[in-house]
N, C-alpha and C. Protein backbone atom coordinates (compact mmCIF):
# COMPACT_ATOMS: atom_id res chain seq x y z
N MET A 1 151.12 102.55 132.67
CA MET A 1 150.01 103.21 132.01
C MET A 1 149.11 102.14 131.41
N THR A 2 147.88 102.16 131.77
CA THR A 2 146.94 101.16 131.27
C THR A 2 146.08 101.76 130.17
N ALA A 3 145.68 100.89 129.29
CA ALA A 3 144.81 101.33 128.19
C ALA A 3 143.40 101.54 128.73
N PRO A 4 142.67 102.49 128.13
CA PRO A 4 141.28 102.67 128.58
C PRO A 4 140.47 101.41 128.30
N PRO A 5 139.48 101.14 129.12
CA PRO A 5 138.68 99.93 128.91
C PRO A 5 137.97 99.97 127.56
N VAL A 6 137.88 98.80 126.97
CA VAL A 6 137.20 98.68 125.68
C VAL A 6 135.70 98.81 125.92
N ARG A 7 135.08 99.63 125.13
CA ARG A 7 133.64 99.86 125.30
C ARG A 7 132.87 98.68 124.73
N ASP A 8 131.97 98.15 125.52
CA ASP A 8 131.08 97.10 125.06
C ASP A 8 129.76 97.76 124.69
N PRO A 9 129.51 97.97 123.40
CA PRO A 9 128.30 98.70 123.02
C PRO A 9 127.03 97.89 123.24
N GLY A 10 127.17 96.59 123.43
CA GLY A 10 125.97 95.77 123.62
C GLY A 10 125.09 95.82 122.39
N LEU A 11 123.82 95.91 122.62
CA LEU A 11 122.87 95.92 121.51
C LEU A 11 122.36 97.32 121.16
N GLN A 12 122.88 98.34 121.84
CA GLN A 12 122.39 99.69 121.59
C GLN A 12 122.54 100.12 120.13
N PRO A 13 123.71 99.94 119.48
CA PRO A 13 123.79 100.35 118.08
C PRO A 13 122.82 99.58 117.18
N GLU A 14 122.60 98.32 117.48
CA GLU A 14 121.66 97.53 116.67
C GLU A 14 120.23 98.04 116.85
N ARG A 15 119.85 98.35 118.08
CA ARG A 15 118.50 98.89 118.33
C ARG A 15 118.32 100.23 117.63
N THR A 16 119.36 101.06 117.68
CA THR A 16 119.28 102.37 117.02
C THR A 16 119.18 102.20 115.51
N ARG A 17 119.96 101.29 114.96
CA ARG A 17 119.91 101.01 113.52
C ARG A 17 118.52 100.54 113.11
N LEU A 18 117.94 99.64 113.90
CA LEU A 18 116.58 99.16 113.60
C LEU A 18 115.55 100.27 113.72
N ALA A 19 115.72 101.15 114.69
CA ALA A 19 114.79 102.28 114.84
C ALA A 19 114.87 103.20 113.62
N TRP A 20 116.07 103.45 113.12
CA TRP A 20 116.20 104.29 111.92
C TRP A 20 115.57 103.60 110.72
N ARG A 21 115.71 102.29 110.62
CA ARG A 21 115.09 101.58 109.49
C ARG A 21 113.57 101.63 109.57
N ARG A 22 113.02 101.45 110.76
CA ARG A 22 111.56 101.55 110.92
C ARG A 22 111.06 102.96 110.59
N THR A 23 111.80 103.95 111.04
CA THR A 23 111.41 105.32 110.76
C THR A 23 111.49 105.62 109.27
N THR A 24 112.51 105.11 108.60
CA THR A 24 112.65 105.30 107.16
C THR A 24 111.52 104.61 106.41
N LEU A 25 111.14 103.43 106.85
CA LEU A 25 110.02 102.72 106.23
C LEU A 25 108.72 103.50 106.41
N THR A 26 108.49 104.02 107.60
CA THR A 26 107.30 104.82 107.86
C THR A 26 107.29 106.07 107.01
N CYS A 27 108.43 106.73 106.91
CA CYS A 27 108.54 107.94 106.09
C CYS A 27 108.27 107.61 104.62
N THR A 28 108.73 106.46 104.16
CA THR A 28 108.50 106.05 102.78
C THR A 28 107.00 105.85 102.52
N VAL A 29 106.33 105.19 103.44
CA VAL A 29 104.89 104.97 103.27
C VAL A 29 104.15 106.30 103.24
N VAL A 30 104.49 107.19 104.15
CA VAL A 30 103.83 108.51 104.19
C VAL A 30 104.10 109.29 102.90
N ALA A 31 105.34 109.27 102.43
CA ALA A 31 105.68 110.00 101.21
C ALA A 31 104.96 109.43 99.99
N VAL A 32 104.86 108.11 99.91
CA VAL A 32 104.15 107.49 98.78
C VAL A 32 102.67 107.84 98.82
N LEU A 33 102.07 107.75 100.00
CA LEU A 33 100.65 108.10 100.11
C LEU A 33 100.41 109.59 99.80
N ALA A 34 101.31 110.45 100.27
CA ALA A 34 101.17 111.88 100.00
C ALA A 34 101.35 112.16 98.52
N ALA A 35 102.34 111.54 97.90
CA ALA A 35 102.57 111.76 96.46
C ALA A 35 101.40 111.24 95.64
N ARG A 36 100.88 110.12 96.05
CA ARG A 36 99.74 109.54 95.32
C ARG A 36 98.51 110.43 95.42
N GLN A 37 98.25 110.93 96.62
CA GLN A 37 97.08 111.77 96.83
C GLN A 37 97.23 113.12 96.13
N THR A 38 98.40 113.71 96.22
CA THR A 38 98.58 115.04 95.65
C THR A 38 98.83 115.00 94.15
N ALA A 39 99.21 113.87 93.61
CA ALA A 39 99.46 113.78 92.17
C ALA A 39 98.18 114.03 91.38
N GLN A 40 97.04 113.75 92.00
CA GLN A 40 95.77 114.00 91.32
C GLN A 40 95.49 115.50 91.21
N ASP A 41 95.99 116.28 92.17
CA ASP A 41 95.73 117.72 92.18
C ASP A 41 96.84 118.51 91.48
N THR A 42 98.06 118.32 91.91
CA THR A 42 99.17 119.08 91.34
C THR A 42 100.46 118.27 91.42
N ALA A 43 101.24 118.38 90.39
CA ALA A 43 102.52 117.67 90.35
C ALA A 43 103.54 118.30 91.29
N LEU A 44 103.39 119.59 91.57
CA LEU A 44 104.32 120.28 92.45
C LEU A 44 104.27 119.70 93.86
N ALA A 45 103.09 119.49 94.40
CA ALA A 45 102.97 118.92 95.74
C ALA A 45 103.51 117.49 95.79
N ALA A 46 103.25 116.72 94.74
CA ALA A 46 103.78 115.36 94.69
C ALA A 46 105.30 115.40 94.64
N GLY A 47 105.84 116.32 93.88
CA GLY A 47 107.30 116.46 93.79
C GLY A 47 107.91 116.88 95.11
N LEU A 48 107.23 117.77 95.84
CA LEU A 48 107.74 118.21 97.13
C LEU A 48 107.76 117.07 98.15
N SER A 49 106.76 116.21 98.11
CA SER A 49 106.77 115.08 99.03
C SER A 49 107.89 114.10 98.69
N VAL A 50 108.18 113.95 97.41
CA VAL A 50 109.29 113.08 97.00
C VAL A 50 110.63 113.69 97.43
N VAL A 51 110.77 115.00 97.28
CA VAL A 51 112.00 115.67 97.70
C VAL A 51 112.19 115.55 99.21
N ALA A 52 111.10 115.71 99.97
CA ALA A 52 111.17 115.56 101.43
C ALA A 52 111.59 114.14 101.79
N TRP A 53 111.05 113.17 101.09
CA TRP A 53 111.41 111.77 101.35
C TRP A 53 112.88 111.52 101.03
N LEU A 54 113.36 112.05 99.91
CA LEU A 54 114.77 111.87 99.55
C LEU A 54 115.70 112.52 100.58
N GLY A 55 115.30 113.67 101.09
CA GLY A 55 116.10 114.32 102.13
C GLY A 55 116.17 113.48 103.39
N PHE A 56 115.04 112.93 103.80
CA PHE A 56 115.04 112.08 104.99
C PHE A 56 115.85 110.82 104.74
N LEU A 57 115.73 110.26 103.55
CA LEU A 57 116.50 109.07 103.21
C LEU A 57 117.99 109.34 103.28
N TRP A 58 118.40 110.52 102.82
CA TRP A 58 119.82 110.91 102.88
C TRP A 58 120.29 110.96 104.33
N ALA A 59 119.53 111.63 105.20
CA ALA A 59 119.92 111.75 106.61
C ALA A 59 119.95 110.39 107.29
N ALA A 60 118.96 109.56 107.03
CA ALA A 60 118.90 108.23 107.65
C ALA A 60 120.05 107.35 107.16
N HIS A 61 120.36 107.42 105.88
CA HIS A 61 121.45 106.60 105.34
C HIS A 61 122.78 107.01 105.96
N ARG A 62 123.00 108.30 106.11
CA ARG A 62 124.24 108.77 106.75
C ARG A 62 124.33 108.26 108.18
N ARG A 63 123.20 108.29 108.89
CA ARG A 63 123.20 107.85 110.28
C ARG A 63 123.41 106.34 110.38
N LEU A 64 122.81 105.58 109.48
CA LEU A 64 123.00 104.14 109.49
C LEU A 64 124.45 103.77 109.20
N ARG A 65 125.08 104.50 108.29
CA ARG A 65 126.50 104.24 108.01
C ARG A 65 127.35 104.57 109.22
N ALA A 66 127.01 105.62 109.94
CA ALA A 66 127.77 105.99 111.13
C ALA A 66 127.62 104.95 112.23
N MET A 67 126.49 104.26 112.27
CA MET A 67 126.26 103.25 113.31
C MET A 67 127.07 101.97 113.09
N ASP A 68 127.76 101.86 111.97
CA ASP A 68 128.55 100.66 111.70
C ASP A 68 129.86 100.62 112.49
N THR A 69 130.26 101.74 113.05
CA THR A 69 131.52 101.78 113.80
C THR A 69 131.28 101.33 115.24
N ALA A 70 132.36 100.96 115.91
CA ALA A 70 132.25 100.51 117.29
C ALA A 70 131.81 101.63 118.22
N ARG A 71 132.24 102.84 117.91
CA ARG A 71 131.88 104.01 118.72
C ARG A 71 131.33 105.09 117.78
N PRO A 72 130.04 105.02 117.47
CA PRO A 72 129.47 105.96 116.50
C PRO A 72 129.53 107.40 116.99
N ALA A 73 129.80 108.28 116.07
CA ALA A 73 129.83 109.70 116.39
C ALA A 73 128.39 110.21 116.53
N ALA A 74 128.26 111.32 117.20
CA ALA A 74 126.94 111.92 117.35
C ALA A 74 126.44 112.41 115.99
N MET A 75 125.15 112.46 115.85
CA MET A 75 124.55 112.93 114.61
C MET A 75 124.89 114.41 114.43
N THR A 76 125.26 114.77 113.21
CA THR A 76 125.60 116.17 112.96
C THR A 76 124.35 117.03 113.00
N VAL A 77 124.54 118.30 113.28
CA VAL A 77 123.42 119.23 113.34
C VAL A 77 122.76 119.33 111.97
N ARG A 78 123.57 119.33 110.93
CA ARG A 78 123.04 119.43 109.56
C ARG A 78 122.10 118.26 109.25
N ALA A 79 122.51 117.06 109.60
CA ALA A 79 121.67 115.89 109.33
C ALA A 79 120.41 115.91 110.19
N ALA A 80 120.54 116.33 111.44
CA ALA A 80 119.37 116.40 112.32
C ALA A 80 118.36 117.44 111.82
N VAL A 81 118.87 118.59 111.38
CA VAL A 81 117.97 119.63 110.85
C VAL A 81 117.32 119.15 109.55
N ALA A 82 118.09 118.45 108.72
CA ALA A 82 117.53 117.92 107.47
C ALA A 82 116.43 116.91 107.75
N ALA A 83 116.66 116.00 108.69
CA ALA A 83 115.65 114.99 109.02
C ALA A 83 114.40 115.65 109.60
N ALA A 84 114.58 116.59 110.51
CA ALA A 84 113.44 117.27 111.11
C ALA A 84 112.68 118.09 110.07
N GLY A 85 113.41 118.75 109.19
CA GLY A 85 112.76 119.53 108.13
C GLY A 85 111.95 118.67 107.19
N CYS A 86 112.47 117.50 106.86
CA CYS A 86 111.75 116.59 105.98
C CYS A 86 110.49 116.06 106.64
N VAL A 87 110.57 115.76 107.92
CA VAL A 87 109.39 115.29 108.64
C VAL A 87 108.34 116.41 108.69
N LEU A 88 108.78 117.63 108.95
CA LEU A 88 107.84 118.75 108.97
C LEU A 88 107.23 119.01 107.60
N ALA A 89 108.03 118.84 106.54
CA ALA A 89 107.50 119.02 105.19
C ALA A 89 106.44 117.97 104.87
N LEU A 90 106.68 116.73 105.27
CA LEU A 90 105.68 115.69 105.04
C LEU A 90 104.43 115.93 105.89
N ALA A 91 104.62 116.46 107.09
CA ALA A 91 103.46 116.80 107.93
C ALA A 91 102.66 117.93 107.29
N ALA A 92 103.34 118.90 106.70
CA ALA A 92 102.65 119.99 106.00
C ALA A 92 101.88 119.45 104.80
N CYS A 93 102.46 118.48 104.09
CA CYS A 93 101.74 117.84 102.99
C CYS A 93 100.48 117.15 103.50
N ALA A 94 100.58 116.49 104.65
CA ALA A 94 99.43 115.81 105.22
C ALA A 94 98.33 116.81 105.59
N VAL A 95 98.73 117.93 106.17
CA VAL A 95 97.74 118.95 106.52
C VAL A 95 97.08 119.50 105.27
N ALA A 96 97.88 119.72 104.23
CA ALA A 96 97.33 120.25 102.98
C ALA A 96 96.35 119.25 102.34
N ILE A 97 96.62 117.98 102.48
CA ILE A 97 95.74 116.96 101.92
C ILE A 97 94.41 116.93 102.66
N VAL A 98 94.48 117.02 104.00
CA VAL A 98 93.29 116.93 104.82
C VAL A 98 92.41 118.17 104.67
N VAL A 99 93.04 119.31 104.60
CA VAL A 99 92.27 120.58 104.54
C VAL A 99 91.80 120.84 103.19
């Protein structure tokens, strides 16, 4: 009986980790700009953009921690829905700012 071959992940986990970091940085910039713009009008909108940013940060941090293993598990549905919801919330803030 032979052992299964050892998986050589190559650079894929590193590329994925870097992509999550870039996305988190972009989300941070968008959230800061949205909070800054909406803080002049209402504190509620600024607070919502901060909450959306914190939610995305939570999902990204969980995914980055999962990428530290040799064979990372798939992203959970809960984390994927949280990340997508936070992105949609920030997009809604952007639409509200523009309109």
